[in-house]
Amino acid sequence: MNRAQAQFECGTFSVVRFDHPPETPHIDPPEEISESYSLIFVQQGGFSVSFGREGMRFSTGDLLVMMPGLPSDTRT
């Protein structure tokens, strides 16, 4: 399960707090396609993704930039 809470919104951009509630099991789909430009700051915990053959691990303090249409494989 995903939880997204808007923190700020205007005509140009929005700031959303996104997490997975700890009391609910979370299973990622095999692939996700970015729908918009996103700056993802990892505040706590971490995750892995792959873009084609390249795998990357993100953890607390990291910043990930996503572009519309970019596919990511969440099974790494």
PDB file of N, CA and C in Angstrom:
ATOM      1  N   MET A   1       0.842  -1.180   0.000  1.00  0.00           N
ATOM      2  CA  MET A   1       0.000   0.000   0.000  1.00  0.00           C
ATOM      3  C   MET A   1       0.886   1.241   0.000  1.00  0.00           C
ATOM      4  N   ASN A   2       0.478   2.232  -0.782  1.00  0.00           N
ATOM      5  CA  ASN A   2       1.168   3.517  -0.833  1.00  0.00           C
ATOM      6  C   ASN A   2       0.309   4.562  -0.133  1.00  0.00           C
ATOM      7  N   ARG A   3       0.975   5.503   0.515  1.00  0.00           N
ATOM      8  CA  ARG A   3       0.273   6.617   1.151  1.00  0.00           C
ATOM      9  C   ARG A   3       0.936   7.902   0.650  1.00  0.00           C
ATOM     10  N   ALA A   4       0.130   8.794   0.066  1.00  0.00           N
ATOM     11  CA  ALA A   4       0.636  10.074  -0.433  1.00  0.00           C
ATOM     12  C   ALA A   4      -0.205  11.192   0.163  1.00  0.00           C
ATOM     13  N   GLN A   5       0.459  12.155   0.794  1.00  0.00           N
ATOM     14  CA  GLN A   5      -0.228  13.279   1.422  1.00  0.00           C
ATOM     15  C   GLN A   5       0.348  14.578   0.868  1.00  0.00           C
ATOM     16  N   ALA A   6      -0.506  15.375   0.215  1.00  0.00           N
ATOM     17  CA  ALA A   6      -0.059  16.662  -0.326  1.00  0.00           C
ATOM     18  C   ALA A   6       0.318  17.594   0.818  1.00  0.00           C
ATOM     19  N   GLN A   7       1.500  18.178   0.726  1.00  0.00           N
ATOM     20  CA  GLN A   7       1.979  19.128   1.719  1.00  0.00           C
ATOM     21  C   GLN A   7       1.838  20.563   1.218  1.00  0.00           C
ATOM     22  N   PHE A   8       1.955  20.716  -0.122  1.00  0.00           N
ATOM     23  CA  PHE A   8       1.852  22.034  -0.750  1.00  0.00           C
ATOM     24  C   PHE A   8       1.490  21.818  -2.214  1.00  0.00           C
ATOM     25  N   GLU A   9       0.608  22.667  -2.762  1.00  0.00           N
ATOM     26  CA  GLU A   9       0.243  22.581  -4.170  1.00  0.00           C
ATOM     27  C   GLU A   9       0.053  23.978  -4.741  1.00  0.00           C
ATOM     28  N   CYS A  10       0.521  24.159  -5.977  1.00  0.00           N
ATOM     29  CA  CYS A  10       0.266  25.387  -6.726  1.00  0.00           C
ATOM     30  C   CYS A  10       0.145  24.991  -8.198  1.00  0.00           C
ATOM     31  N   GLY A  11       0.006  25.924  -9.077  1.00  0.00           N
ATOM     32  CA  GLY A  11      -0.162  25.603 -10.492  1.00  0.00           C
ATOM     33  C   GLY A  11       1.054  24.987 -11.151  1.00  0.00           C
ATOM     34  N   THR A  12       2.229  25.191 -10.588  1.00  0.00           N
ATOM     35  CA  THR A  12       3.461  24.734 -11.211  1.00  0.00           C
ATOM     36  C   THR A  12       3.968  23.410 -10.661  1.00  0.00           C
ATOM     37  N   PHE A  13       3.842  23.191  -9.366  1.00  0.00           N
ATOM     38  CA  PHE A  13       4.362  21.968  -8.756  1.00  0.00           C
ATOM     39  C   PHE A  13       3.622  21.668  -7.462  1.00  0.00           C
ATOM     40  N   SER A  14       3.890  20.485  -6.937  1.00  0.00           N
ATOM     41  CA  SER A  14       3.339  20.105  -5.638  1.00  0.00           C
ATOM     42  C   SER A  14       4.415  19.394  -4.830  1.00  0.00           C
ATOM     43  N   VAL A  15       4.275  19.440  -3.539  1.00  0.00           N
ATOM     44  CA  VAL A  15       5.160  18.722  -2.617  1.00  0.00           C
ATOM     45  C   VAL A  15       4.287  17.662  -1.944  1.00  0.00           C
ATOM     46  N   VAL A  16       4.690  16.409  -2.103  1.00  0.00           N
ATOM     47  CA  VAL A  16       3.897  15.287  -1.592  1.00  0.00           C
ATOM     48  C   VAL A  16       4.771  14.426  -0.695  1.00  0.00           C
ATOM     49  N   ARG A  17       4.262  14.095   0.461  1.00  0.00           N
ATOM     50  CA  ARG A  17       4.935  13.142   1.351  1.00  0.00           C
ATOM     51  C   ARG A  17       4.413  11.756   0.980  1.00  0.00           C
ATOM     52  N   PHE A  18       5.324  10.871   0.571  1.00  0.00           N
ATOM     53  CA  PHE A  18       4.964   9.536   0.104  1.00  0.00           C
ATOM     54  C   PHE A  18       5.643   8.508   0.994  1.00  0.00           C
ATOM     55  N   ASP A  19       4.874   7.525   1.444  1.00  0.00           N
ATOM     56  CA  ASP A  19       5.480   6.451   2.230  1.00  0.00           C
ATOM     57  C   ASP A  19       4.619   5.202   2.157  1.00  0.00           C
ATOM     58  N   HIS A  20       5.084   4.183   2.837  1.00  0.00           N
ATOM     59  CA  HIS A  20       4.363   2.927   2.968  1.00  0.00           C
ATOM     60  C   HIS A  20       4.073   2.749   4.453  1.00  0.00           C
ATOM     61  N   PRO A  21       2.793   2.711   4.855  1.00  0.00           N
ATOM     62  CA  PRO A  21       2.480   2.548   6.273  1.00  0.00           C
ATOM     63  C   PRO A  21       3.135   1.279   6.831  1.00  0.00           C
ATOM     64  N   PRO A  22       3.809   1.378   7.979  1.00  0.00           N
ATOM     65  CA  PRO A  22       4.534   0.218   8.518  1.00  0.00           C
ATOM     66  C   PRO A  22       3.635  -0.956   8.894  1.00  0.00           C
ATOM     67  N   GLU A  23       2.374  -0.691   9.189  1.00  0.00           N
ATOM     68  CA  GLU A  23       1.474  -1.774   9.603  1.00  0.00           C
ATOM     69  C   GLU A  23       0.871  -2.528   8.417  1.00  0.00           C
ATOM     70  N   THR A  24       1.128  -2.080   7.181  1.00  0.00           N
ATOM     71  CA  THR A  24       0.545  -2.688   5.990  1.00  0.00           C
ATOM     72  C   THR A  24       1.642  -3.257   5.095  1.00  0.00           C
ATOM     73  N   PRO A  25       1.562  -4.540   4.737  1.00  0.00           N
ATOM     74  CA  PRO A  25       2.578  -5.110   3.826  1.00  0.00           C
ATOM     75  C   PRO A  25       2.570  -4.379   2.490  1.00  0.00           C
ATOM     76  N   HIS A  26       3.749  -4.206   1.912  1.00  0.00           N
ATOM     77  CA  HIS A  26       3.868  -3.520   0.619  1.00  0.00           C
ATOM     78  C   HIS A  26       4.557  -4.436  -0.377  1.00  0.00           C
ATOM     79  N   ILE A  27       3.961  -4.574  -1.564  1.00  0.00           N
ATOM     80  CA  ILE A  27       4.562  -5.352  -2.645  1.00  0.00           C
ATOM     81  C   ILE A  27       4.620  -4.452  -3.868  1.00  0.00           C
ATOM     82  N   ASP A  28       5.838  -4.204  -4.368  1.00  0.00           N
ATOM     83  CA  ASP A  28       5.999  -3.371  -5.557  1.00  0.00           C
ATOM     84  C   ASP A  28       5.592  -4.139  -6.800  1.00  0.00           C
ATOM     85  N   PRO A  29       5.048  -3.432  -7.810  1.00  0.00           N
ATOM     86  CA  PRO A  29       4.794  -4.084  -9.099  1.00  0.00           C
ATOM     87  C   PRO A  29       6.138  -4.362  -9.775  1.00  0.00           C
ATOM     88  N   PRO A  30       6.181  -5.258 -10.760  1.00  0.00           N
ATOM     89  CA  PRO A  30       7.445  -5.560 -11.434  1.00  0.00           C
ATOM     90  C   PRO A  30       8.069  -4.346 -12.115  1.00  0.00           C
ATOM     91  N   GLU A  31       7.227  -3.437 -12.624  1.00  0.00           N
ATOM     92  CA  GLU A  31       7.742  -2.249 -13.310  1.00  0.00           C
ATOM     93  C   GLU A  31       6.819  -1.080 -13.025  1.00  0.00           C
ATOM     94  N   GLU A  32       7.411   0.105 -12.879  1.00  0.00           N
ATOM     95  CA  GLU A  32       6.639   1.332 -12.717  1.00  0.00           C
ATOM     96  C   GLU A  32       7.125   2.338 -13.756  1.00  0.00           C
ATOM     97  N   ILE A  33       6.205   3.122 -14.313  1.00  0.00           N
ATOM     98  CA  ILE A  33       6.525   4.160 -15.284  1.00  0.00           C
ATOM     99  C   ILE A  33       6.256   5.506 -14.628  1.00  0.00           C
ATOM    100  N   SER A  34       7.265   6.366 -14.627  1.00  0.00           N
ATOM    101  CA  SER A  34       7.098   7.695 -14.032  1.00  0.00           C
ATOM    102  C   SER A  34       6.109   8.505 -14.869  1.00  0.00           C
ATOM    103  N   GLU A  35       5.114   9.091 -14.215  1.00  0.00           N
ATOM    104  CA  GLU A  35       4.098   9.892 -14.897  1.00  0.00           C
ATOM    105  C   GLU A  35       4.457  11.375 -14.959  1.00  0.00           C
ATOM    106  N   SER A  36       5.436  11.798 -14.179  1.00  0.00           N
ATOM    107  CA  SER A  36       5.774  13.219 -14.127  1.00  0.00           C
ATOM    108  C   SER A  36       7.236  13.374 -13.712  1.00  0.00           C
ATOM    109  N   TYR A  37       7.716  14.601 -13.764  1.00  0.00           N
ATOM    110  CA  TYR A  37       9.026  14.896 -13.198  1.00  0.00           C
ATOM    111  C   TYR A  37       8.912  14.772 -11.683  1.00  0.00           C
ATOM    112  N   SER A  38       9.869  14.130 -11.064  1.00  0.00           N
ATOM    113  CA  SER A  38       9.830  13.948  -9.615  1.00  0.00           C
ATOM    114  C   SER A  38      11.224  14.084  -9.032  1.00  0.00           C
ATOM    115  N   LEU A  39      11.326  14.775  -7.921  1.00  0.00           N
ATOM    116  CA  LEU A  39      12.529  14.785  -7.096  1.00  0.00           C
ATOM    117  C   LEU A  39      12.179  13.973  -5.862  1.00  0.00           C
ATOM    118  N   ILE A  40      12.856  12.876  -5.664  1.00  0.00           N
ATOM    119  CA  ILE A  40      12.532  11.967  -4.570  1.00  0.00           C
ATOM    120  C   ILE A  40      13.663  12.019  -3.552  1.00  0.00           C
ATOM    121  N   PHE A  41      13.371  12.545  -2.380  1.00  0.00           N
ATOM    122  CA  PHE A  41      14.335  12.601  -1.290  1.00  0.00           C
ATOM    123  C   PHE A  41      14.020  11.475  -0.320  1.00  0.00           C
ATOM    124  N   VAL A  42      15.006  10.625  -0.045  1.00  0.00           N
ATOM    125  CA  VAL A  42      14.791   9.500   0.868  1.00  0.00           C
ATOM    126  C   VAL A  42      15.066   9.989   2.287  1.00  0.00           C
ATOM    127  N   GLN A  43      14.009  10.146   3.044  1.00  0.00           N
ATOM    128  CA  GLN A  43      14.130  10.652   4.411  1.00  0.00           C
ATOM    129  C   GLN A  43      14.515   9.549   5.382  1.00  0.00           C
ATOM    130  N   GLN A  44      14.013   8.337   5.136  1.00  0.00           N
ATOM    131  CA  GLN A  44      14.293   7.222   6.041  1.00  0.00           C
ATOM    132  C   GLN A  44      14.143   5.922   5.271  1.00  0.00           C
ATOM    133  N   GLY A  45      14.969   4.932   5.574  1.00  0.00           N
ATOM    134  CA  GLY A  45      14.880   3.632   4.911  1.00  0.00           C
ATOM    135  C   GLY A  45      15.597   3.641   3.587  1.00  0.00           C
ATOM    136  N   GLY A  46      15.120   2.870   2.644  1.00  0.00           N
ATOM    137  CA  GLY A  46      15.760   2.796   1.347  1.00  0.00           C
ATOM    138  C   GLY A  46      15.014   1.879   0.402  1.00  0.00           C
ATOM    139  N   PHE A  47      15.476   1.848  -0.844  1.00  0.00           N
ATOM    140  CA  PHE A  47      14.883   0.993  -1.870  1.00  0.00           C
ATOM    141  C   PHE A  47      15.880   0.841  -3.008  1.00  0.00           C
ATOM    142  N   SER A  48      15.641  -0.150  -3.843  1.00  0.00           N
ATOM    143  CA  SER A  48      16.466  -0.397  -5.022  1.00  0.00           C
ATOM    144  C   SER A  48      15.601  -0.326  -6.258  1.00  0.00           C
ATOM    145  N   VAL A  49      16.179   0.171  -7.350  1.00  0.00           N
ATOM    146  CA  VAL A  49      15.510   0.175  -8.650  1.00  0.00           C
ATOM    147  C   VAL A  49      16.551  -0.135  -9.711  1.00  0.00           C
ATOM    148  N   SER A  50      16.073  -0.545 -10.876  1.00  0.00           N
ATOM    149  CA  SER A  50      16.980  -0.692 -12.006  1.00  0.00           C
ATOM    150  C   SER A  50      16.377   0.013 -13.200  1.00  0.00           C
ATOM    151  N   PHE A  51      17.242   0.567 -14.009  1.00  0.00           N
ATOM    152  CA  PHE A  51      16.875   1.256 -15.236  1.00  0.00           C
ATOM    153  C   PHE A  51      17.593   0.513 -16.352  1.00  0.00           C
ATOM    154  N   GLY A  52      16.869  -0.383 -17.040  1.00  0.00           N
ATOM    155  CA  GLY A  52      17.534  -1.239 -18.024  1.00  0.00           C
ATOM    156  C   GLY A  52      18.447  -2.203 -17.279  1.00  0.00           C
ATOM    157  N   ARG A  53      19.739  -2.172 -17.595  1.00  0.00           N
ATOM    158  CA  ARG A  53      20.709  -3.077 -16.948  1.00  0.00           C
ATOM    159  C   ARG A  53      21.373  -2.464 -15.722  1.00  0.00           C
ATOM    160  N   GLU A  54      21.131  -1.198 -15.471  1.00  0.00           N
ATOM    161  CA  GLU A  54      21.763  -0.498 -14.355  1.00  0.00           C
ATOM    162  C   GLU A  54      20.908  -0.576 -13.095  1.00  0.00           C
ATOM    163  N   GLY A  55      21.453  -1.122 -12.023  1.00  0.00           N
ATOM    164  CA  GLY A  55      20.751  -1.177 -10.748  1.00  0.00           C
ATOM    165  C   GLY A  55      21.320  -0.141  -9.788  1.00  0.00           C
ATOM    166  N   MET A  56      20.454   0.444  -8.987  1.00  0.00           N
ATOM    167  CA  MET A  56      20.897   1.452  -8.026  1.00  0.00           C
ATOM    168  C   MET A  56      20.172   1.252  -6.706  1.00  0.00           C
ATOM    169  N   ARG A  57      20.871   1.512  -5.623  1.00  0.00           N
ATOM    170  CA  ARG A  57      20.299   1.444  -4.271  1.00  0.00           C
ATOM    171  C   ARG A  57      20.234   2.861  -3.729  1.00  0.00           C
ATOM    172  N   PHE A  58      19.079   3.253  -3.195  1.00  0.00           N
ATOM    173  CA  PHE A  58      18.894   4.566  -2.593  1.00  0.00           C
ATOM    174  C   PHE A  58      18.608   4.378  -1.113  1.00  0.00           C
ATOM    175  N   SER A  59      19.228   5.203  -0.296  1.00  0.00           N
ATOM    176  CA  SER A  59      19.027   5.105   1.148  1.00  0.00           C
ATOM    177  C   SER A  59      18.917   6.498   1.749  1.00  0.00           C
ATOM    178  N   THR A  60      18.740   6.559   3.053  1.00  0.00           N
ATOM    179  CA  THR A  60      18.522   7.812   3.767  1.00  0.00           C
ATOM    180  C   THR A  60      19.484   8.907   3.303  1.00  0.00           C
ATOM    181  N   GLY A  61      18.921  10.061   2.922  1.00  0.00           N
ATOM    182  CA  GLY A  61      19.716  11.213   2.490  1.00  0.00           C
ATOM    183  C   GLY A  61      19.937  11.296   0.997  1.00  0.00           C
ATOM    184  N   ASP A  62      19.583  10.262   0.238  1.00  0.00           N
ATOM    185  CA  ASP A  62      19.783  10.267  -1.218  1.00  0.00           C
ATOM    186  C   ASP A  62      18.668  11.030  -1.920  1.00  0.00           C
ATOM    187  N   LEU A  63      18.968  11.489  -3.142  1.00  0.00           N
ATOM    188  CA  LEU A  63      18.009  12.204  -3.972  1.00  0.00           C
ATOM    189  C   LEU A  63      17.963  11.527  -5.341  1.00  0.00           C
ATOM    190  N   LEU A  64      16.769  11.209  -5.810  1.00  0.00           N
ATOM    191  CA  LEU A  64      16.554  10.575  -7.103  1.00  0.00           C
ATOM    192  C   LEU A  64      15.723  11.515  -7.951  1.00  0.00           C
ATOM    193  N   VAL A  65      16.102  11.708  -9.220  1.00  0.00           N
ATOM    194  CA  VAL A  65      15.348  12.545 -10.151  1.00  0.00           C
ATOM    195  C   VAL A  65      14.731  11.630 -11.204  1.00  0.00           C
ATOM    196  N   MET A  66      13.403  11.718 -11.358  1.00  0.00           N
ATOM    197  CA  MET A  66      12.680  10.919 -12.349  1.00  0.00           C
ATOM    198  C   MET A  66      12.078  11.841 -13.406  1.00  0.00           C
ATOM    199  N   MET A  67      11.980  11.343 -14.659  1.00  0.00           N
ATOM    200  CA  MET A  67      11.385  12.077 -15.766  1.00  0.00           C
ATOM    201  C   MET A  67      10.166  11.320 -16.274  1.00  0.00           C
ATOM    202  N   PRO A  68       9.187  12.013 -16.867  1.00  0.00           N
ATOM    203  CA  PRO A  68       8.006  11.327 -17.395  1.00  0.00           C
ATOM    204  C   PRO A  68       8.400  10.240 -18.393  1.00  0.00           C
ATOM    205  N   GLY A  69       7.751   9.076 -18.273  1.00  0.00           N
ATOM    206  CA  GLY A  69       7.991   7.976 -19.191  1.00  0.00           C
ATOM    207  C   GLY A  69       9.146   7.067 -18.817  1.00  0.00           C
ATOM    208  N   LEU A  70       9.926   7.424 -17.794  1.00  0.00           N
ATOM    209  CA  LEU A  70      11.078   6.609 -17.408  1.00  0.00           C
ATOM    210  C   LEU A  70      10.600   5.357 -16.685  1.00  0.00           C
ATOM    211  N   PRO A  71      10.894   4.185 -17.272  1.00  0.00           N
ATOM    212  CA  PRO A  71      10.493   2.944 -16.580  1.00  0.00           C
ATOM    213  C   PRO A  71      11.518   2.549 -15.534  1.00  0.00           C
ATOM    214  N   SER A  72      11.054   2.008 -14.428  1.00  0.00           N
ATOM    215  CA  SER A  72      11.977   1.491 -13.413  1.00  0.00           C
ATOM    216  C   SER A  72      11.495   0.126 -12.971  1.00  0.00           C
ATOM    217  N   ASP A  73      12.440  -0.779 -12.850  1.00  0.00           N
ATOM    218  CA  ASP A  73      12.175  -2.137 -12.395  1.00  0.00           C
ATOM    219  C   ASP A  73      12.432  -2.142 -10.909  1.00  0.00           C
ATOM    220  N   THR A  74      11.420  -2.429 -10.095  1.00  0.00           N
ATOM    221  CA  THR A  74      11.547  -2.354  -8.637  1.00  0.00           C
ATOM    222  C   THR A  74      11.953  -3.686  -8.009  1.00  0.00           C
ATOM    223  N   ARG A  75      12.320  -4.677  -8.823  1.00  0.00           N
ATOM    224  CA  ARG A  75      12.646  -5.991  -8.290  1.00  0.00           C
ATOM    225  C   ARG A  75      14.109  -6.167  -7.922  1.00  0.00           C
ATOM    226  N   THR A  76      14.942  -5.127  -8.019  1.00  0.00           N
ATOM    227  CA  THR A  76      16.366  -5.296  -7.731  1.00  0.00           C
ATOM    228  C   THR A  76      16.617  -5.420  -6.253  1.00  0.00           C
TER     229      THR A  76
END
